[in-house]
C-alpha atoms as a PDB file:
ATOM      1  CA  ALA A   1     260.388 239.110 146.233  1.00  0.00           C
ATOM      2  CA  ALA A   2     261.027 242.945 147.639  1.00  0.00           C
ATOM      3  CA  TYR A   3     264.399 242.529 146.659  1.00  0.00           C
ATOM      4  CA  ARG A   4     263.693 241.446 143.106  1.00  0.00           C
ATOM      5  CA  ALA A   5     261.091 244.370 142.628  1.00  0.00           C
ATOM      6  CA  VAL A   6     263.693 246.776 143.617  1.00  0.00           C
ATOM      7  CA  LEU A   7     266.471 245.182 141.307  1.00  0.00           C
ATOM      8  CA  ALA A   8     263.885 245.196 138.311  1.00  0.00           C
ATOM      9  CA  ARG A   9     263.808 248.718 138.692  1.00  0.00           C
ATOM     10  CA  ALA A  10     267.514 249.422 139.724  1.00  0.00           C
ATOM     11  CA  PRO A  11     269.749 246.441 138.509  1.00  0.00           C
ATOM     12  CA  ALA A  12     272.884 248.001 139.732  1.00  0.00           C
ATOM     13  CA  SER A  13     271.640 248.407 143.571  1.00  0.00           C
ATOM     14  CA  PRO A  14     274.330 246.763 145.610  1.00  0.00           C
ATOM     15  CA  ALA A  15     271.975 247.083 148.598  1.00  0.00           C
ATOM     16  CA  ALA A  16     269.105 245.157 146.901  1.00  0.00           C
ATOM     17  CA  ARG A  17     271.535 242.381 145.358  1.00  0.00           C
ATOM     18  CA  THR A  18     273.094 242.099 148.561  1.00  0.00           C
ATOM     19  CA  GLY A  19     269.784 241.817 150.430  1.00  0.00           C
ATOM     20  CA  LEU A  20     268.727 239.109 147.981  1.00  0.00           C
ATOM     21  CA  ALA A  21     271.955 237.401 148.100  1.00  0.00           C
ATOM     22  CA  ARG A  22     271.584 237.229 152.221  1.00  0.00           C
ATOM     23  CA  CYS A  23     268.095 235.800 152.003  1.00  0.00           C
ATOM     24  CA  LEU A  24     268.795 233.145 149.557  1.00  0.00           C
ATOM     25  CA  LEU A  25     271.987 232.060 151.496  1.00  0.00           C
ATOM     26  CA  ALA A  26     269.466 231.929 154.436  1.00  0.00           C
ATOM     27  CA  THR A  27     267.169 229.714 152.972  1.00  0.00           C
ATOM     28  CA  GLY A  28     269.924 227.349 151.442  1.00  0.00           C
ATOM     29  CA  ARG A  29     269.640 228.621 148.043  1.00  0.00           C
ATOM     30  CA  ASP A  30     273.608 228.985 147.842  1.00  0.00           C
ATOM     31  CA  ARG A  31     273.779 228.507 143.945  1.00  0.00           C
ATOM     32  CA  ASP A  32     271.123 231.388 143.679  1.00  0.00           C
ATOM     33  CA  ALA A  33     273.011 233.511 145.979  1.00  0.00           C
ATOM     34  CA  MET A  34     276.280 232.941 144.380  1.00  0.00           C
ATOM     35  CA  LYS A  35     274.870 234.006 140.794  1.00  0.00           C
ATOM     36  CA  GLU A  36     273.631 237.484 142.658  1.00  0.00           C
ATOM     37  CA  LEU A  37     276.881 238.036 144.399  1.00  0.00           C
ATOM     38  CA  ALA A  38     278.748 237.459 140.832  1.00  0.00           C
ATOM     39  CA  THR A  39     276.296 239.933 139.260  1.00  0.00           C
ATOM     40  CA  GLY A  40     276.664 242.213 141.878  1.00  0.00           C
ATOM     41  CA  LEU A  41     280.316 242.249 141.755  1.00  0.00           C
ATOM     42  CA  ARG A  42     280.575 242.399 137.892  1.00  0.00           C
ATOM     43  CA  ASP A  43     278.595 245.663 138.184  1.00  0.00           C
ATOM     44  CA  ASP A  44     280.317 247.086 141.201  1.00  0.00           C
ATOM     45  CA  PRO A  45     283.493 245.131 141.957  1.00  0.00           C
ATOM     46  CA  ARG A  46     284.532 247.504 144.757  1.00  0.00           C
ATOM     47  CA  CYS A  47     281.247 247.001 146.635  1.00  0.00           C
ATOM     48  CA  ILE A  48     282.371 246.401 150.278  1.00  0.00           C
ATOM     49  CA  GLU A  49     279.203 244.927 151.540  1.00  0.00           C
ATOM     50  CA  LEU A  50     278.807 242.398 148.653  1.00  0.00           C
ATOM     51  CA  ARG A  51     282.247 241.290 148.983  1.00  0.00           C
ATOM     52  CA  LEU A  52     282.031 240.844 152.919  1.00  0.00           C
ATOM     53  CA  LEU A  53     278.997 238.755 152.225  1.00  0.00           C
ATOM     54  CA  ALA A  54     280.973 236.614 149.498  1.00  0.00           C
ATOM     55  CA  ALA A  55     284.032 236.434 151.947  1.00  0.00           C
ATOM     56  CA  THR A  56     281.566 235.208 154.882  1.00  0.00           C
ATOM     57  CA  TRP A  57     280.109 232.610 152.327  1.00  0.00           C
ATOM     58  CA  ASP A  58     283.733 231.441 151.140  1.00  0.00           C
ATOM     59  CA  GLU A  59     284.764 230.914 154.745  1.00  0.00           C
ATOM     60  CA  THR A  60     281.833 228.968 155.741  1.00  0.00           C
ATOM     61  CA  ARG A  61     282.463 226.688 152.939  1.00  0.00           C
ATOM     62  CA  GLY A  62     286.112 226.488 153.768  1.00  0.00           C
ATOM     63  CA  ALA A  63     287.432 228.451 150.751  1.00  0.00           C
ATOM     64  CA  LEU A  64     289.664 230.542 152.514  1.00  0.00           C
ATOM     65  CA  ALA A  65     291.964 231.601 149.798  1.00  0.00           C
ATOM     66  CA  GLU A  66     288.614 232.434 148.040  1.00  0.00           C
ATOM     67  CA  ALA A  67     287.690 234.628 151.251  1.00  0.00           C
ATOM     68  CA  ALA A  68     290.969 236.432 151.375  1.00  0.00           C
ATOM     69  CA  ASP A  69     290.870 237.716 147.812  1.00  0.00           C
ATOM     70  CA  HIS A  70     287.441 239.160 148.767  1.00  0.00           C
ATOM     71  CA  LEU A  71     288.655 240.647 151.924  1.00  0.00           C
ATOM     72  CA  ALA A  72     292.093 242.121 150.038  1.00  0.00           C
ATOM     73  CA  ALA A  73     289.749 243.465 147.692  1.00  0.00           C
ATOM     74  CA  ILE A  74     287.877 245.369 150.224  1.00  0.00           C
ATOM     75  CA  LEU A  75     291.129 246.739 151.595  1.00  0.00           C
ATOM     76  CA  ALA A  76     292.439 247.825 148.106  1.00  0.00           C
ATOM     77  CA  VAL A  77     289.231 250.212 148.193  1.00  0.00           C
ATOM     78  CA  ASP A  78     289.448 250.970 151.989  1.00  0.00           C
ATOM     79  CA  ASN A  79     292.984 249.814 153.624  1.00  0.00           C
ATOM     80  CA  ASP A  80     291.737 250.820 157.166  1.00  0.00           C
ATOM     81  CA  HIS A  81     288.237 248.820 157.018  1.00  0.00           C
ATOM     82  CA  VAL A  82     288.498 247.454 160.380  1.00  0.00           C
ATOM     83  CA  GLU A  83     286.301 244.369 159.900  1.00  0.00           C
ATOM     84  CA  ALA A  84     288.193 243.347 156.462  1.00  0.00           C
ATOM     85  CA  ASN A  85     291.569 243.752 158.266  1.00  0.00           C
ATOM     86  CA  ARG A  86     290.199 241.738 161.334  1.00  0.00           C
ATOM     87  CA  ARG A  87     288.692 238.959 159.082  1.00  0.00           C
ATOM     88  CA  LEU A  88     291.656 238.639 156.887  1.00  0.00           C
ATOM     89  CA  ALA A  89     294.034 238.321 159.816  1.00  0.00           C
ATOM     90  CA  GLY A  90     292.147 235.243 161.037  1.00  0.00           C
ATOM     91  CA  VAL A  91     291.972 233.975 157.342  1.00  0.00           C
ATOM     92  CA  LEU A  92     295.582 234.411 156.887  1.00  0.00           C
ATOM     93  CA  GLU A  93     296.702 233.108 160.066  1.00  0.00           C
ATOM     94  CA  GLN A  94     294.641 229.987 159.201  1.00  0.00           C
ATOM     95  CA  LEU A  95     296.363 229.993 155.721  1.00  0.00           C
ATOM     96  CA  GLY A  96     299.873 230.039 157.853  1.00  0.00           C
ATOM     97  CA  ASP A  97     300.671 233.616 156.631  1.00  0.00           C
ATOM     98  CA  VAL A  98     301.434 235.096 160.101  1.00  0.00           C
ATOM     99  CA  SER A  99     303.262 237.726 158.770  1.00  0.00           C
ATOM    100  CA  GLY A 100     300.106 239.267 156.753  1.00  0.00           C
ATOM    101  CA  ALA A 101     297.983 238.571 159.595  1.00  0.00           C
ATOM    102  CA  VAL A 102     300.197 240.791 161.711  1.00  0.00           C
ATOM    103  CA  ARG A 103     300.024 243.490 159.276  1.00  0.00           C
ATOM    104  CA  CYS A 104     296.146 243.101 159.555  1.00  0.00           C
ATOM    105  CA  TRP A 105     296.124 243.354 163.367  1.00  0.00           C
ATOM    106  CA  ARG A 106     298.515 246.309 163.307  1.00  0.00           C
ATOM    107  CA  ARG A 107     295.983 248.304 160.872  1.00  0.00           C
ATOM    108  CA  VAL A 108     292.937 247.373 163.208  1.00  0.00           C
ATOM    109  CA  ALA A 109     295.245 248.648 166.195  1.00  0.00           C
ATOM    110  CA  GLY A 110     295.802 251.996 164.116  1.00  0.00           C
ATOM    111  CA  GLY A 111     299.378 251.060 164.036  1.00  0.00           C
ATOM    112  CA  GLY A 112     299.770 250.955 160.144  1.00  0.00           C
END
């Protein structure tokens, strides 16, 4: 209820949108959570926290290509984002893109 109250006053609040989506996912309301994520990403496609949460949900349901897309979008904003690089490396490895995974691990290690 608190997140919805914040969103009523500040509908484009990425923190409130992310918090609400997390709560919805934690209570098994995946469809409602995805609507909140979609709205938040439409309002702010560069929001890293929303993208990370969307990637987590995609990974959980086995939608690795979609997770990779969200993680790559984060890296378009911040190429050195450690968590996004680390997670994208794992996803790419599962998708069979070893060279892409190596590039991500090099960024994590600071080697570009």
